[in-house]
Amino acid sequence: MQQPIEKRHGIVAAVLISSLLFMVLHMTKSWAIPGMLPIVFGAGVLLGVIAWASGSLIPGILGHTAMDVGMFAYWWSGTAGTFSARTIAVTGIDSGFVIALGVMALALAAVAVSIVKLHRDRLSGPLAFSSPG
């Protein structure tokens, strides 16, 4: 649904609208809590941008599948351990928070660079369409 919206209203509106619907659909699940709204919306934005950059749903499908497998292993099987961390409201800004924030910033920067490169390569690759001059 993102491509038709993008053709009419641009990429920003298309990603935001599809991400909002992604969030609404995921928040109907029994595990969903209000605090997850920004996380699920952010995941929708990331998947929408990846679809735009790659011109395909396949990278997003693979990413979503990998994320689900990891979360299921963590939440339901206990394979990856148990969640024992306390919120920042309880701990304050401690070293664990600063480290997690730094790792997240580096990961987001790497994702942003990858998305830009993926989009640039898709537009300049052997299958790129040239615009009429």
N, C-alpha and C. Protein backbone atom coordinates (compact mmCIF):
# COMPACT_ATOMS: atom_id res chain seq x y z
N MET A 1 0.81 -1.20 0.00
CA MET A 1 0.00 0.00 0.00
C MET A 1 0.85 1.26 0.00
N GLN A 2 2.12 1.12 0.34
CA GLN A 2 3.00 2.29 0.44
C GLN A 2 3.25 2.93 -0.93
N GLN A 3 3.43 2.13 -1.96
CA GLN A 3 3.75 2.69 -3.28
C GLN A 3 2.65 3.58 -3.84
N PRO A 4 1.37 3.18 -3.79
CA PRO A 4 0.34 4.08 -4.30
C PRO A 4 0.26 5.40 -3.52
N ILE A 5 0.44 5.33 -2.22
CA ILE A 5 0.43 6.56 -1.41
C ILE A 5 1.63 7.42 -1.77
N GLU A 6 2.78 6.78 -1.97
CA GLU A 6 4.00 7.52 -2.34
C GLU A 6 3.83 8.23 -3.68
N LYS A 7 3.22 7.58 -4.64
CA LYS A 7 3.03 8.20 -5.96
C LYS A 7 2.15 9.44 -5.87
N ARG A 8 1.20 9.42 -4.96
CA ARG A 8 0.27 10.54 -4.85
C ARG A 8 0.72 11.63 -3.86
N HIS A 9 1.33 11.20 -2.75
CA HIS A 9 1.63 12.15 -1.66
C HIS A 9 3.10 12.22 -1.27
N GLY A 10 3.96 11.42 -1.86
CA GLY A 10 5.38 11.45 -1.53
C GLY A 10 5.78 10.39 -0.51
N ILE A 11 7.09 10.19 -0.40
CA ILE A 11 7.62 9.12 0.43
C ILE A 11 7.36 9.34 1.91
N VAL A 12 7.46 10.56 2.40
CA VAL A 12 7.28 10.81 3.84
C VAL A 12 5.86 10.45 4.26
N ALA A 13 4.87 10.93 3.54
CA ALA A 13 3.47 10.61 3.87
C ALA A 13 3.23 9.11 3.75
N ALA A 14 3.79 8.48 2.72
CA ALA A 14 3.58 7.05 2.52
C ALA A 14 4.14 6.23 3.67
N VAL A 15 5.35 6.55 4.09
CA VAL A 15 5.97 5.81 5.20
C VAL A 15 5.21 6.07 6.50
N LEU A 16 4.84 7.30 6.75
CA LEU A 16 4.12 7.60 8.00
C LEU A 16 2.75 6.92 8.05
N ILE A 17 2.02 6.94 6.95
CA ILE A 17 0.69 6.31 6.92
C ILE A 17 0.81 4.80 7.06
N SER A 18 1.72 4.19 6.32
CA SER A 18 1.87 2.74 6.41
C SER A 18 2.39 2.33 7.79
N SER A 19 3.24 3.15 8.39
CA SER A 19 3.74 2.86 9.74
C SER A 19 2.64 2.97 10.78
N LEU A 20 1.76 3.94 10.61
CA LEU A 20 0.64 4.09 11.52
C LEU A 20 -0.27 2.85 11.46
N LEU A 21 -0.54 2.39 10.26
CA LEU A 21 -1.36 1.19 10.11
C LEU A 21 -0.64 -0.05 10.64
N PHE A 22 0.66 -0.14 10.41
CA PHE A 22 1.47 -1.23 10.96
C PHE A 22 1.35 -1.24 12.48
N MET A 23 1.44 -0.07 13.09
CA MET A 23 1.33 0.05 14.54
C MET A 23 -0.05 -0.37 15.04
N VAL A 24 -1.09 0.14 14.39
CA VAL A 24 -2.47 -0.19 14.81
C VAL A 24 -2.70 -1.70 14.73
N LEU A 25 -2.26 -2.33 13.65
CA LEU A 25 -2.45 -3.78 13.51
C LEU A 25 -1.69 -4.56 14.57
N HIS A 26 -0.47 -4.12 14.89
CA HIS A 26 0.32 -4.84 15.88
C HIS A 26 -0.16 -4.58 17.31
N MET A 27 -0.79 -3.44 17.55
CA MET A 27 -1.24 -3.12 18.90
C MET A 27 -2.55 -3.82 19.25
N THR A 28 -3.11 -4.61 18.34
CA THR A 28 -4.31 -5.38 18.65
C THR A 28 -3.94 -6.73 19.27
N LYS A 29 -2.68 -7.04 19.38
CA LYS A 29 -2.22 -8.32 19.91
C LYS A 29 -2.31 -8.33 21.43
N SER A 30 -2.43 -9.52 22.01
CA SER A 30 -2.57 -9.63 23.46
C SER A 30 -1.32 -9.16 24.20
N TRP A 31 -0.17 -9.20 23.57
CA TRP A 31 1.08 -8.80 24.23
C TRP A 31 1.32 -7.29 24.18
N ALA A 32 0.52 -6.57 23.43
CA ALA A 32 0.76 -5.14 23.21
C ALA A 32 0.37 -4.31 24.43
N ILE A 33 1.26 -3.40 24.79
CA ILE A 33 0.98 -2.46 25.87
C ILE A 33 1.22 -1.05 25.32
N PRO A 34 0.59 -0.03 25.90
CA PRO A 34 0.73 1.34 25.37
C PRO A 34 2.18 1.83 25.25
N GLY A 35 3.05 1.38 26.14
CA GLY A 35 4.44 1.80 26.08
C GLY A 35 5.17 1.32 24.84
N MET A 36 4.57 0.36 24.13
CA MET A 36 5.19 -0.17 22.92
C MET A 36 4.84 0.63 21.68
N LEU A 37 3.90 1.59 21.79
CA LEU A 37 3.48 2.37 20.62
C LEU A 37 4.66 2.97 19.86
N PRO A 38 5.58 3.69 20.51
CA PRO A 38 6.68 4.28 19.73
C PRO A 38 7.62 3.23 19.16
N ILE A 39 7.80 2.12 19.84
CA ILE A 39 8.69 1.07 19.33
C ILE A 39 8.10 0.43 18.08
N VAL A 40 6.82 0.10 18.13
CA VAL A 40 6.17 -0.54 16.98
C VAL A 40 6.06 0.45 15.82
N PHE A 41 5.74 1.71 16.12
CA PHE A 41 5.69 2.72 15.06
C PHE A 41 7.07 2.90 14.43
N GLY A 42 8.11 2.96 15.26
CA GLY A 42 9.48 3.07 14.76
C GLY A 42 9.89 1.90 13.89
N ALA A 43 9.47 0.70 14.27
CA ALA A 43 9.74 -0.48 13.45
C ALA A 43 9.04 -0.35 12.10
N GLY A 44 7.81 0.16 12.12
CA GLY A 44 7.08 0.38 10.87
C GLY A 44 7.79 1.39 9.97
N VAL A 45 8.30 2.46 10.57
CA VAL A 45 9.05 3.46 9.79
C VAL A 45 10.29 2.82 9.19
N LEU A 46 11.01 2.06 9.99
CA LEU A 46 12.23 1.42 9.49
C LEU A 46 11.91 0.47 8.34
N LEU A 47 10.88 -0.34 8.50
CA LEU A 47 10.52 -1.27 7.43
C LEU A 47 10.04 -0.53 6.18
N GLY A 48 9.32 0.57 6.37
CA GLY A 48 8.86 1.37 5.23
C GLY A 48 10.01 2.01 4.47
N VAL A 49 10.99 2.52 5.21
CA VAL A 49 12.16 3.14 4.57
C VAL A 49 12.99 2.09 3.85
N ILE A 50 13.11 0.92 4.45
CA ILE A 50 13.86 -0.16 3.79
C ILE A 50 13.15 -0.58 2.50
N ALA A 51 11.82 -0.68 2.54
CA ALA A 51 11.06 -1.02 1.32
C ALA A 51 11.27 0.04 0.24
N TRP A 52 11.24 1.31 0.64
CA TRP A 52 11.46 2.40 -0.32
C TRP A 52 12.87 2.34 -0.89
N ALA A 53 13.86 2.15 -0.01
CA ALA A 53 15.26 2.17 -0.46
C ALA A 53 15.59 0.99 -1.37
N SER A 54 15.00 -0.17 -1.08
CA SER A 54 15.33 -1.36 -1.85
C SER A 54 14.40 -1.57 -3.04
N GLY A 55 13.22 -0.93 -3.00
CA GLY A 55 12.24 -1.16 -4.05
C GLY A 55 11.59 -2.53 -3.95
N SER A 56 11.69 -3.14 -2.76
CA SER A 56 11.17 -4.49 -2.57
C SER A 56 10.72 -4.68 -1.13
N LEU A 57 9.76 -5.56 -0.93
CA LEU A 57 9.33 -5.91 0.42
C LEU A 57 10.21 -7.00 1.04
N ILE A 58 11.00 -7.69 0.23
CA ILE A 58 11.76 -8.85 0.70
C ILE A 58 12.73 -8.50 1.83
N PRO A 59 13.55 -7.44 1.76
CA PRO A 59 14.44 -7.14 2.89
C PRO A 59 13.67 -6.88 4.19
N GLY A 60 12.54 -6.21 4.11
CA GLY A 60 11.73 -5.96 5.30
C GLY A 60 11.11 -7.23 5.84
N ILE A 61 10.67 -8.11 4.96
CA ILE A 61 10.10 -9.39 5.39
C ILE A 61 11.17 -10.21 6.11
N LEU A 62 12.36 -10.25 5.55
CA LEU A 62 13.45 -10.99 6.20
C LEU A 62 13.82 -10.36 7.55
N GLY A 63 13.87 -9.04 7.59
CA GLY A 63 14.18 -8.35 8.84
C GLY A 63 13.11 -8.57 9.90
N HIS A 64 11.86 -8.49 9.51
CA HIS A 64 10.75 -8.70 10.44
C HIS A 64 10.78 -10.13 10.97
N THR A 65 11.05 -11.09 10.09
CA THR A 65 11.13 -12.50 10.50
C THR A 65 12.26 -12.71 11.50
N ALA A 66 13.43 -12.15 11.20
CA ALA A 66 14.57 -12.29 12.12
C ALA A 66 14.26 -11.65 13.48
N MET A 67 13.61 -10.49 13.46
CA MET A 67 13.25 -9.82 14.70
C MET A 67 12.25 -10.66 15.49
N ASP A 68 11.25 -11.22 14.83
CA ASP A 68 10.26 -12.05 15.51
C ASP A 68 10.89 -13.30 16.12
N VAL A 69 11.77 -13.95 15.38
CA VAL A 69 12.43 -15.15 15.90
C VAL A 69 13.22 -14.79 17.16
N GLY A 70 13.94 -13.69 17.10
CA GLY A 70 14.71 -13.26 18.27
C GLY A 70 13.82 -12.92 19.46
N MET A 71 12.74 -12.20 19.22
CA MET A 71 11.83 -11.83 20.31
C MET A 71 11.13 -13.05 20.88
N PHE A 72 10.70 -13.97 20.02
CA PHE A 72 10.03 -15.16 20.52
C PHE A 72 10.99 -15.98 21.38
N ALA A 73 12.24 -16.10 20.95
CA ALA A 73 13.24 -16.83 21.74
C ALA A 73 13.43 -16.16 23.09
N TYR A 74 13.44 -14.85 23.09
CA TYR A 74 13.66 -14.10 24.33
C TYR A 74 12.46 -14.18 25.26
N TRP A 75 11.27 -13.89 24.74
CA TRP A 75 10.07 -13.78 25.59
C TRP A 75 9.51 -15.11 26.02
N TRP A 76 9.38 -16.06 25.10
CA TRP A 76 8.61 -17.25 25.41
C TRP A 76 9.43 -18.47 25.79
N SER A 77 10.62 -18.60 25.29
CA SER A 77 11.38 -19.81 25.59
C SER A 77 12.36 -19.61 26.73
N GLY A 78 12.73 -18.38 27.00
CA GLY A 78 13.75 -18.13 28.01
C GLY A 78 15.14 -18.47 27.53
N THR A 79 15.29 -18.86 26.25
CA THR A 79 16.58 -19.23 25.69
C THR A 79 17.59 -18.10 25.81
N ALA A 80 17.13 -16.89 25.58
CA ALA A 80 18.04 -15.74 25.61
C ALA A 80 18.11 -15.11 27.00
N GLY A 81 17.52 -15.75 28.00
CA GLY A 81 17.56 -15.21 29.35
C GLY A 81 16.22 -14.62 29.75
N THR A 82 16.23 -13.92 30.84
CA THR A 82 15.01 -13.29 31.33
C THR A 82 15.22 -11.78 31.41
N PHE A 83 14.14 -11.07 31.33
CA PHE A 83 14.21 -9.61 31.37
C PHE A 83 14.19 -9.15 32.82
N SER A 84 15.28 -8.58 33.27
CA SER A 84 15.35 -8.14 34.66
C SER A 84 15.73 -6.68 34.79
N ALA A 85 15.88 -6.00 33.69
CA ALA A 85 16.28 -4.59 33.72
C ALA A 85 15.15 -3.73 34.29
N ARG A 86 15.54 -2.67 34.97
CA ARG A 86 14.56 -1.73 35.50
C ARG A 86 14.56 -0.48 34.62
N THR A 87 13.48 0.25 34.65
CA THR A 87 13.34 1.42 33.79
C THR A 87 14.24 2.56 34.26
N ILE A 88 14.47 3.52 33.38
CA ILE A 88 15.30 4.67 33.70
C ILE A 88 14.66 5.51 34.81
N ALA A 89 13.34 5.43 34.94
CA ALA A 89 12.66 6.15 36.02
C ALA A 89 13.10 5.62 37.38
N VAL A 90 13.48 4.34 37.44
CA VAL A 90 13.93 3.72 38.68
C VAL A 90 15.44 3.90 38.88
N THR A 91 16.21 3.67 37.81
CA THR A 91 17.67 3.65 37.94
C THR A 91 18.33 5.00 37.72
N GLY A 92 17.66 5.90 37.03
CA GLY A 92 18.32 7.14 36.63
C GLY A 92 19.25 6.87 35.46
N ILE A 93 20.00 7.86 35.08
CA ILE A 93 20.95 7.69 33.96
C ILE A 93 22.20 7.04 34.52
N ASP A 94 22.29 5.73 34.36
CA ASP A 94 23.43 4.98 34.85
C ASP A 94 24.30 4.57 33.66
N SER A 95 25.40 3.88 33.94
CA SER A 95 26.33 3.49 32.88
C SER A 95 25.67 2.54 31.87
N GLY A 96 24.81 1.64 32.34
CA GLY A 96 24.11 0.73 31.43
C GLY A 96 23.25 1.48 30.43
N PHE A 97 22.58 2.53 30.90
CA PHE A 97 21.75 3.33 30.01
C PHE A 97 22.59 4.06 28.98
N VAL A 98 23.70 4.64 29.42
CA VAL A 98 24.58 5.38 28.50
C VAL A 98 25.16 4.44 27.45
N ILE A 99 25.57 3.25 27.87
CA ILE A 99 26.10 2.27 26.91
C ILE A 99 25.02 1.84 25.92
N ALA A 100 23.82 1.53 26.42
CA ALA A 100 22.72 1.13 25.53
C ALA A 100 22.37 2.24 24.55
N LEU A 101 22.38 3.48 25.03
CA LEU A 101 22.09 4.62 24.16
C LEU A 101 23.16 4.78 23.09
N GLY A 102 24.42 4.60 23.46
CA GLY A 102 25.51 4.68 22.49
C GLY A 102 25.43 3.59 21.44
N VAL A 103 25.15 2.37 21.87
CA VAL A 103 25.01 1.25 20.93
C VAL A 103 23.85 1.51 19.98
N MET A 104 22.73 2.00 20.52
CA MET A 104 21.57 2.29 19.68
C MET A 104 21.91 3.39 18.66
N ALA A 105 22.61 4.42 19.09
CA ALA A 105 22.97 5.51 18.17
C ALA A 105 23.88 4.99 17.05
N LEU A 106 24.85 4.17 17.40
CA LEU A 106 25.74 3.60 16.37
C LEU A 106 24.97 2.68 15.42
N ALA A 107 24.06 1.88 15.96
CA ALA A 107 23.26 0.99 15.11
C ALA A 107 22.37 1.79 14.17
N LEU A 108 21.73 2.84 14.69
CA LEU A 108 20.88 3.67 13.83
C LEU A 108 21.69 4.38 12.76
N ALA A 109 22.89 4.83 13.09
CA ALA A 109 23.75 5.46 12.10
C ALA A 109 24.14 4.46 11.01
N ALA A 110 24.47 3.24 11.41
CA ALA A 110 24.82 2.20 10.43
C ALA A 110 23.63 1.87 9.54
N VAL A 111 22.45 1.80 10.12
CA VAL A 111 21.24 1.53 9.34
C VAL A 111 20.98 2.67 8.36
N ALA A 112 21.12 3.91 8.82
CA ALA A 112 20.88 5.06 7.95
C ALA A 112 21.85 5.05 6.76
N VAL A 113 23.12 4.81 7.03
CA VAL A 113 24.11 4.76 5.95
C VAL A 113 23.78 3.63 4.98
N SER A 114 23.40 2.48 5.52
CA SER A 114 23.05 1.33 4.67
C SER A 114 21.84 1.61 3.80
N ILE A 115 20.83 2.27 4.37
CA ILE A 115 19.63 2.58 3.61
C ILE A 115 19.94 3.55 2.47
N VAL A 116 20.73 4.57 2.75
CA VAL A 116 21.11 5.53 1.71
C VAL A 116 21.89 4.82 0.61
N LYS A 117 22.84 3.97 1.00
CA LYS A 117 23.62 3.24 0.00
C LYS A 117 22.74 2.29 -0.81
N LEU A 118 21.83 1.59 -0.15
CA LEU A 118 20.92 0.68 -0.84
C LEU A 118 20.08 1.43 -1.87
N HIS A 119 19.56 2.58 -1.48
CA HIS A 119 18.73 3.37 -2.39
C HIS A 119 19.57 3.89 -3.57
N ARG A 120 20.75 4.39 -3.28
CA ARG A 120 21.63 4.91 -4.33
C ARG A 120 22.01 3.80 -5.30
N ASP A 121 22.36 2.62 -4.76
CA ASP A 121 22.74 1.49 -5.62
C ASP A 121 21.56 1.02 -6.48
N ARG A 122 20.37 1.04 -5.89
CA ARG A 122 19.18 0.61 -6.65
C ARG A 122 18.93 1.57 -7.81
N LEU A 123 19.11 2.86 -7.58
CA LEU A 123 18.86 3.84 -8.63
C LEU A 123 19.94 3.86 -9.71
N SER A 124 21.16 3.48 -9.34
CA SER A 124 22.25 3.55 -10.32
C SER A 124 22.67 2.19 -10.84
N GLY A 125 22.03 1.13 -10.36
CA GLY A 125 22.41 -0.23 -10.75
C GLY A 125 22.03 -0.56 -12.19
N PRO A 126 22.34 -1.77 -12.62
CA PRO A 126 22.09 -2.18 -14.01
C PRO A 126 20.60 -2.22 -14.37
N LEU A 127 19.73 -2.33 -13.36
CA LEU A 127 18.30 -2.38 -13.65
C LEU A 127 17.62 -1.03 -13.47
N ALA A 128 18.41 0.00 -13.19
CA ALA A 128 17.82 1.33 -12.96
C ALA A 128 17.22 1.86 -14.26
N PHE A 129 16.12 2.55 -14.11
CA PHE A 129 15.46 3.15 -15.27
C PHE A 129 15.94 4.57 -15.43
N SER A 130 16.27 4.95 -16.64
CA SER A 130 16.68 6.33 -16.88
C SER A 130 15.46 7.18 -17.14
N SER A 131 15.49 8.39 -16.60
CA SER A 131 14.35 9.28 -16.82
C SER A 131 14.45 9.90 -18.21
N PRO A 132 13.29 10.14 -18.83
CA PRO A 132 13.32 10.74 -20.16
C PRO A 132 13.94 12.13 -20.12
N GLY A 133 14.80 12.42 -21.05
CA GLY A 133 15.56 13.65 -21.07
C GLY A 133 14.83 14.73 -21.67
